[in-house]
Amino acid sequence: MTIHAANGLEWPVVVVQDLARTMPYTFGAFVFDPELGVAVHFGDEDGELALLRLIVDRKARAQQNEARRIFYVAPTRARDHLILTCTDGHMVRACGLTLLRPGLEQAGVDPTPVPFRPQDALPAELPSPPPAVPQRLLIEPVG
């Protein structure tokens, strides 16, 4: 279920994955702001216009605020457990968990990191040799 669809609902366990992913702030050659007007990006960073930079910064800030608003919905849907995933390493400072840490600490919630182990990501091994006849049917006969 998407975060948008979860608004107003509550679940025993909520998983929010990939908190380290950043939003792409891509804008076309023309950017528009209702208060500031239109600016054109000509492709060279050296001669970037102040108006273009101002409009792009406003739009990026608006996207960040919307992302935070949407992200707020996801953790508040959890009734019993909230599982947040984030990569480790150089991206930790950009991780959404960094935004939550002060509030979690104030609420007395100690995040428990679970390190990634490559062996945990391997597929399960099938028994060798496979059984000739299934041990039991998945659906039992009725009657």
C-alpha atoms as a PDB file:
ATOM      1  CA  MET A   1       0.000   0.000   0.000  1.00  0.00           C
ATOM      2  CA  THR A   2       1.294   3.465  -0.762  1.00  0.00           C
ATOM      3  CA  ILE A   3       1.771   6.132   1.879  1.00  0.00           C
ATOM      4  CA  HIS A   4      -0.958   8.202   0.210  1.00  0.00           C
ATOM      5  CA  ALA A   5      -3.464   5.337   0.472  1.00  0.00           C
ATOM      6  CA  ALA A   6      -2.538   4.653   4.124  1.00  0.00           C
ATOM      7  CA  ASN A   7      -3.666   8.066   5.361  1.00  0.00           C
ATOM      8  CA  GLY A   8      -6.188   7.546   8.140  1.00  0.00           C
ATOM      9  CA  LEU A   9      -5.441   3.816   8.553  1.00  0.00           C
ATOM     10  CA  GLU A  10      -3.442   1.968  11.200  1.00  0.00           C
ATOM     11  CA  TRP A  11      -1.451  -1.271  10.861  1.00  0.00           C
ATOM     12  CA  PRO A  12       0.258  -3.556  13.410  1.00  0.00           C
ATOM     13  CA  VAL A  13       3.568  -3.366  11.507  1.00  0.00           C
ATOM     14  CA  VAL A  14       4.695  -0.663   9.107  1.00  0.00           C
ATOM     15  CA  VAL A  15       7.893  -0.930   7.042  1.00  0.00           C
ATOM     16  CA  VAL A  16       9.356   2.194   5.439  1.00  0.00           C
ATOM     17  CA  GLN A  17      12.262   1.217   3.227  1.00  0.00           C
ATOM     18  CA  ASP A  18      15.111   3.082   1.581  1.00  0.00           C
ATOM     19  CA  LEU A  19      15.196   6.217   3.706  1.00  0.00           C
ATOM     20  CA  ALA A  20      18.558   7.097   2.161  1.00  0.00           C
ATOM     21  CA  ARG A  21      17.069   7.623  -1.284  1.00  0.00           C
ATOM     22  CA  THR A  22      17.105  11.238  -2.327  1.00  0.00           C
ATOM     23  CA  MET A  23      14.468  12.901  -4.408  1.00  0.00           C
ATOM     24  CA  PRO A  24      15.542  13.913  -7.883  1.00  0.00           C
ATOM     25  CA  TYR A  25      15.376  17.658  -8.226  1.00  0.00           C
ATOM     26  CA  THR A  26      15.212  17.909 -11.970  1.00  0.00           C
ATOM     27  CA  PHE A  27      13.595  20.804 -13.717  1.00  0.00           C
ATOM     28  CA  GLY A  28      13.249  21.528 -17.401  1.00  0.00           C
ATOM     29  CA  ALA A  29      14.773  24.346 -19.411  1.00  0.00           C
ATOM     30  CA  PHE A  30      11.933  26.647 -18.334  1.00  0.00           C
ATOM     31  CA  VAL A  31      10.960  27.119 -14.703  1.00  0.00           C
ATOM     32  CA  PHE A  32       7.958  29.091 -13.532  1.00  0.00           C
ATOM     33  CA  ASP A  33       7.005  30.634 -10.224  1.00  0.00           C
ATOM     34  CA  PRO A  34       3.658  32.430  -9.870  1.00  0.00           C
ATOM     35  CA  GLU A  35       5.272  35.271  -7.888  1.00  0.00           C
ATOM     36  CA  LEU A  36       8.626  35.547  -9.669  1.00  0.00           C
ATOM     37  CA  GLY A  37       7.744  34.702 -13.261  1.00  0.00           C
ATOM     38  CA  VAL A  38       9.641  32.596 -15.802  1.00  0.00           C
ATOM     39  CA  ALA A  39      13.349  31.818 -16.034  1.00  0.00           C
ATOM     40  CA  VAL A  40      15.226  29.950 -18.758  1.00  0.00           C
ATOM     41  CA  HIS A  41      18.132  27.579 -18.213  1.00  0.00           C
ATOM     42  CA  PHE A  42      20.532  27.859 -21.158  1.00  0.00           C
ATOM     43  CA  GLY A  43      22.661  24.892 -20.124  1.00  0.00           C
ATOM     44  CA  ASP A  44      25.808  26.584 -18.878  1.00  0.00           C
ATOM     45  CA  GLU A  45      26.317  26.794 -15.126  1.00  0.00           C
ATOM     46  CA  ASP A  46      28.740  29.747 -15.376  1.00  0.00           C
ATOM     47  CA  GLY A  47      26.134  32.251 -16.480  1.00  0.00           C
ATOM     48  CA  GLU A  48      23.247  30.968 -14.350  1.00  0.00           C
ATOM     49  CA  LEU A  49      20.757  33.727 -13.686  1.00  0.00           C
ATOM     50  CA  ALA A  50      19.850  34.713 -10.137  1.00  0.00           C
ATOM     51  CA  LEU A  51      16.149  34.410 -10.989  1.00  0.00           C
ATOM     52  CA  LEU A  52      16.643  30.856 -12.272  1.00  0.00           C
ATOM     53  CA  ARG A  53      18.558  29.869  -9.116  1.00  0.00           C
ATOM     54  CA  LEU A  54      15.879  31.454  -6.896  1.00  0.00           C
ATOM     55  CA  ILE A  55      13.002  29.669  -8.628  1.00  0.00           C
ATOM     56  CA  VAL A  56      14.812  26.305  -8.661  1.00  0.00           C
ATOM     57  CA  ASP A  57      15.650  26.664  -4.963  1.00  0.00           C
ATOM     58  CA  ARG A  58      12.019  27.497  -4.149  1.00  0.00           C
ATOM     59  CA  LYS A  59      10.766  24.483  -6.086  1.00  0.00           C
ATOM     60  CA  ALA A  60      13.342  22.181  -4.453  1.00  0.00           C
ATOM     61  CA  ARG A  61      12.369  23.449  -0.994  1.00  0.00           C
ATOM     62  CA  ALA A  62       8.674  22.900  -1.802  1.00  0.00           C
ATOM     63  CA  GLN A  63       9.444  19.323  -2.924  1.00  0.00           C
ATOM     64  CA  GLN A  64      11.379  18.667   0.308  1.00  0.00           C
ATOM     65  CA  ASN A  65       8.502  19.990   2.409  1.00  0.00           C
ATOM     66  CA  GLU A  66       6.020  17.784   0.536  1.00  0.00           C
ATOM     67  CA  ALA A  67       8.295  14.748   0.968  1.00  0.00           C
ATOM     68  CA  ARG A  68       8.504  15.429   4.718  1.00  0.00           C
ATOM     69  CA  ARG A  69       4.735  15.813   4.946  1.00  0.00           C
ATOM     70  CA  ILE A  70       4.180  12.517   3.148  1.00  0.00           C
ATOM     71  CA  PHE A  71       6.886  10.788   5.185  1.00  0.00           C
ATOM     72  CA  TYR A  72       5.170  11.924   8.400  1.00  0.00           C
ATOM     73  CA  VAL A  73       2.127   9.850   7.443  1.00  0.00           C
ATOM     74  CA  ALA A  74       4.021   6.537   7.168  1.00  0.00           C
ATOM     75  CA  PRO A  75       5.454   6.261  10.721  1.00  0.00           C
ATOM     76  CA  THR A  76       2.211   7.470  12.275  1.00  0.00           C
ATOM     77  CA  ARG A  77       0.346   4.497  10.751  1.00  0.00           C
ATOM     78  CA  ALA A  78       2.251   1.950  12.890  1.00  0.00           C
ATOM     79  CA  ARG A  79       0.378   0.554  15.889  1.00  0.00           C
ATOM     80  CA  ASP A  80       2.924  -1.929  17.324  1.00  0.00           C
ATOM     81  CA  HIS A  81       6.129  -1.910  15.274  1.00  0.00           C
ATOM     82  CA  LEU A  82       7.806   0.523  12.913  1.00  0.00           C
ATOM     83  CA  ILE A  83      10.653  -0.784  10.768  1.00  0.00           C
ATOM     84  CA  LEU A  84      12.784   1.825   9.017  1.00  0.00           C
ATOM     85  CA  THR A  85      15.554   0.877   6.603  1.00  0.00           C
ATOM     86  CA  CYS A  86      18.484   3.023   5.581  1.00  0.00           C
ATOM     87  CA  THR A  87      21.847   2.262   4.047  1.00  0.00           C
ATOM     88  CA  ASP A  88      24.969   2.594   6.098  1.00  0.00           C
ATOM     89  CA  GLY A  89      28.072   4.512   5.156  1.00  0.00           C
ATOM     90  CA  HIS A  90      28.426   7.875   3.434  1.00  0.00           C
ATOM     91  CA  MET A  91      24.669   8.332   2.960  1.00  0.00           C
ATOM     92  CA  VAL A  92      23.803   8.176   6.689  1.00  0.00           C
ATOM     93  CA  ARG A  93      23.778  11.955   7.057  1.00  0.00           C
ATOM     94  CA  ALA A  94      21.171  12.156   4.264  1.00  0.00           C
ATOM     95  CA  CYS A  95      19.099   9.304   5.673  1.00  0.00           C
ATOM     96  CA  GLY A  96      15.516  10.013   6.709  1.00  0.00           C
ATOM     97  CA  LEU A  97      16.344   8.299   9.994  1.00  0.00           C
ATOM     98  CA  THR A  98      18.628  11.244  10.795  1.00  0.00           C
ATOM     99  CA  LEU A  99      15.579  13.515  10.698  1.00  0.00           C
ATOM    100  CA  LEU A 100      13.704  11.214  13.077  1.00  0.00           C
ATOM    101  CA  ARG A 101      16.506  10.553  15.571  1.00  0.00           C
ATOM    102  CA  PRO A 102      15.943  13.670  17.808  1.00  0.00           C
ATOM    103  CA  GLY A 103      12.225  12.919  18.121  1.00  0.00           C
ATOM    104  CA  LEU A 104      12.845   9.231  18.793  1.00  0.00           C
ATOM    105  CA  GLU A 105      15.379  10.070  21.506  1.00  0.00           C
ATOM    106  CA  GLN A 106      12.994  12.543  23.133  1.00  0.00           C
ATOM    107  CA  ALA A 107      10.238   9.906  23.096  1.00  0.00           C
ATOM    108  CA  GLY A 108      12.577   7.402  24.755  1.00  0.00           C
ATOM    109  CA  VAL A 109      12.731   5.154  21.696  1.00  0.00           C
ATOM    110  CA  ASP A 110      16.159   3.657  21.111  1.00  0.00           C
ATOM    111  CA  PRO A 111      16.570   2.688  17.446  1.00  0.00           C
ATOM    112  CA  THR A 112      18.049  -0.790  17.150  1.00  0.00           C
ATOM    113  CA  PRO A 113      20.352  -1.062  14.149  1.00  0.00           C
ATOM    114  CA  VAL A 114      20.391  -4.393  12.338  1.00  0.00           C
ATOM    115  CA  PRO A 115      23.573  -4.781  10.303  1.00  0.00           C
ATOM    116  CA  PHE A 116      23.331  -6.190   6.819  1.00  0.00           C
ATOM    117  CA  ARG A 117      24.971  -9.581   6.378  1.00  0.00           C
ATOM    118  CA  PRO A 118      25.390 -10.837   2.797  1.00  0.00           C
ATOM    119  CA  GLN A 119      24.618 -14.418   3.853  1.00  0.00           C
ATOM    120  CA  ASP A 120      21.144 -13.282   4.953  1.00  0.00           C
ATOM    121  CA  ALA A 121      20.388 -12.192   1.396  1.00  0.00           C
ATOM    122  CA  LEU A 122      21.104 -15.614  -0.151  1.00  0.00           C
ATOM    123  CA  PRO A 123      18.118 -17.648  -1.342  1.00  0.00           C
ATOM    124  CA  ALA A 124      17.072 -20.614   0.767  1.00  0.00           C
ATOM    125  CA  GLU A 125      18.604 -23.938  -0.222  1.00  0.00           C
ATOM    126  CA  LEU A 126      16.211 -26.617  -1.404  1.00  0.00           C
ATOM    127  CA  PRO A 127      16.491 -30.100   0.072  1.00  0.00           C
ATOM    128  CA  SER A 128      18.605 -32.467  -1.993  1.00  0.00           C
ATOM    129  CA  PRO A 129      17.161 -34.603  -3.471  1.00  0.00           C
ATOM    130  CA  PRO A 130      13.683 -33.050  -3.529  1.00  0.00           C
ATOM    131  CA  PRO A 131      10.892 -35.244  -2.124  1.00  0.00           C
ATOM    132  CA  ALA A 132       9.181 -37.412  -4.752  1.00  0.00           C
ATOM    133  CA  VAL A 133       5.712 -36.936  -3.262  1.00  0.00           C
ATOM    134  CA  PRO A 134       4.539 -33.810  -1.435  1.00  0.00           C
ATOM    135  CA  GLN A 135       4.364 -34.355   2.321  1.00  0.00           C
ATOM    136  CA  ARG A 136       0.872 -32.876   2.474  1.00  0.00           C
ATOM    137  CA  LEU A 137      -1.381 -30.769   0.319  1.00  0.00           C
ATOM    138  CA  LEU A 138      -1.533 -27.060   0.905  1.00  0.00           C
ATOM    139  CA  ILE A 139      -5.325 -27.216   0.795  1.00  0.00           C
ATOM    140  CA  GLU A 140      -6.947 -29.986   2.786  1.00  0.00           C
ATOM    141  CA  PRO A 141     -10.011 -31.748   1.309  1.00  0.00           C
ATOM    142  CA  VAL A 142     -13.351 -30.614   2.714  1.00  0.00           C
ATOM    143  CA  GLY A 143     -15.904 -33.062   4.024  1.00  0.00           C
END
